Amino acid sequence: MCRNIRQLHNFEPPATTDEVHAAALQYVRKVAGTTRPSARNAEAFDRAVAEVAHATRHLLDDLVTTAPPKDREAEAVKARERAARRYAP
């Protein structure tokens, strides 16, 4: 489940609201142990996702670094290369 949580800090352009929400959703799914909450737990689940996304946005806004911003496409190419080596026959 948590493989979908990606690093969001220090990219140009900055992480979008959708990326932050997706990371929060994956985190809450992992903690809750389910990908879909029951109808009875849906409100608590959705509230947790919103709160985690809110905290994540604040964290990303407050972090500082002296490193140059990363390029999303270059990082994606590196990830594909690592996967090709890892899963090569």
Protein backbone atom coordinates (compact mmCIF):
# COMPACT_ATOMS: atom_id res chain seq x y z
CA MET A 1 0.00 0.00 0.00
CA CYS A 2 2.64 2.56 0.94
CA ARG A 3 4.68 2.19 -2.22
CA ASN A 4 2.53 4.93 -3.70
CA ILE A 5 3.68 7.51 -1.18
CA ARG A 6 6.26 9.57 -3.03
CA GLN A 7 8.72 12.16 -1.86
CA LEU A 8 7.04 15.53 -2.26
CA HIS A 9 9.65 17.94 -0.91
CA ASN A 10 12.04 19.98 -3.04
CA PHE A 11 10.54 19.55 -6.50
CA GLU A 12 9.97 22.15 -9.12
CA PRO A 13 7.09 22.78 -9.53
CA PRO A 14 6.06 22.15 -5.92
CA ALA A 15 3.77 19.28 -4.96
CA THR A 16 0.18 19.77 -6.01
CA THR A 17 -2.85 19.47 -3.78
CA ASP A 18 -3.70 16.20 -5.54
CA GLU A 19 -0.25 14.75 -4.79
CA VAL A 20 -0.50 15.73 -1.14
CA HIS A 21 -4.00 14.23 -0.91
CA ALA A 22 -2.86 10.99 -2.58
CA ALA A 23 0.00 10.62 -0.09
CA ALA A 24 -2.35 11.31 2.83
CA LEU A 25 -4.84 8.76 1.51
CA GLN A 26 -2.16 6.09 1.24
CA TYR A 27 -0.93 6.85 4.75
CA VAL A 28 -4.43 6.62 6.26
CA ARG A 29 -5.11 3.41 4.33
CA LYS A 30 -1.96 1.87 5.76
CA VAL A 31 -2.69 2.94 9.32
CA ALA A 32 -6.34 1.85 9.09
CA GLY A 33 -5.40 -1.45 7.45
CA THR A 34 -7.99 -1.04 4.71
CA THR A 35 -8.26 0.52 1.30
CA ARG A 36 -11.98 1.19 1.69
CA PRO A 37 -13.58 1.99 5.01
CA SER A 38 -16.97 0.64 5.91
CA ALA A 39 -19.90 3.04 5.64
CA ARG A 40 -19.80 3.38 9.40
CA ASN A 41 -16.13 4.45 9.35
CA ALA A 42 -16.17 6.53 6.15
CA GLU A 43 -16.56 9.88 7.91
CA ALA A 44 -13.67 9.25 10.31
CA PHE A 45 -11.53 7.93 7.44
CA ASP A 46 -12.22 10.98 5.24
CA ARG A 47 -11.61 13.35 8.13
CA ALA A 48 -8.27 11.66 8.84
CA VAL A 49 -7.24 11.99 5.18
CA ALA A 50 -8.09 15.70 5.22
CA GLU A 51 -6.19 16.28 8.47
CA VAL A 52 -3.10 14.40 7.28
CA ALA A 53 -3.16 16.28 3.96
CA HIS A 54 -3.46 19.58 5.85
CA ALA A 55 -0.50 18.72 8.11
CA THR A 56 1.52 17.53 5.12
CA ARG A 57 0.93 20.78 3.25
CA HIS A 58 2.09 22.77 6.30
CA LEU A 59 5.18 20.58 6.59
CA LEU A 60 6.08 21.03 2.93
CA ASP A 61 5.53 24.78 3.15
CA ASP A 62 7.78 25.06 6.22
CA LEU A 63 10.68 22.84 5.12
CA VAL A 64 13.80 24.65 3.90
CA THR A 65 16.74 23.29 1.96
CA THR A 66 19.85 24.57 0.24
CA ALA A 67 19.74 21.79 -2.36
CA PRO A 68 18.55 22.73 -5.82
CA PRO A 69 15.00 21.59 -6.68
CA LYS A 70 14.69 18.19 -8.34
CA ASP A 71 13.18 17.67 -11.76
CA ARG A 72 10.20 15.32 -11.68
CA GLU A 73 10.90 13.79 -15.07
CA ALA A 74 14.57 13.15 -14.29
CA GLU A 75 13.59 11.46 -11.02
CA ALA A 76 11.02 9.33 -12.85
CA VAL A 77 13.69 8.18 -15.32
CA LYS A 78 15.99 7.22 -12.44
CA ALA A 79 13.16 5.28 -10.77
CA ARG A 80 12.42 3.37 -13.98
CA GLU A 81 16.10 2.51 -14.35
CA ARG A 82 16.24 1.22 -10.75
CA ALA A 83 13.11 -0.86 -11.34
CA ALA A 84 14.54 -2.30 -14.57
CA ARG A 85 17.70 -3.39 -12.72
CA ARG A 86 15.73 -4.76 -9.79
CA TYR A 87 13.28 -6.78 -11.85
CA ALA A 88 15.56 -7.79 -14.72
CA PRO A 89 15.60 -11.53 -15.42
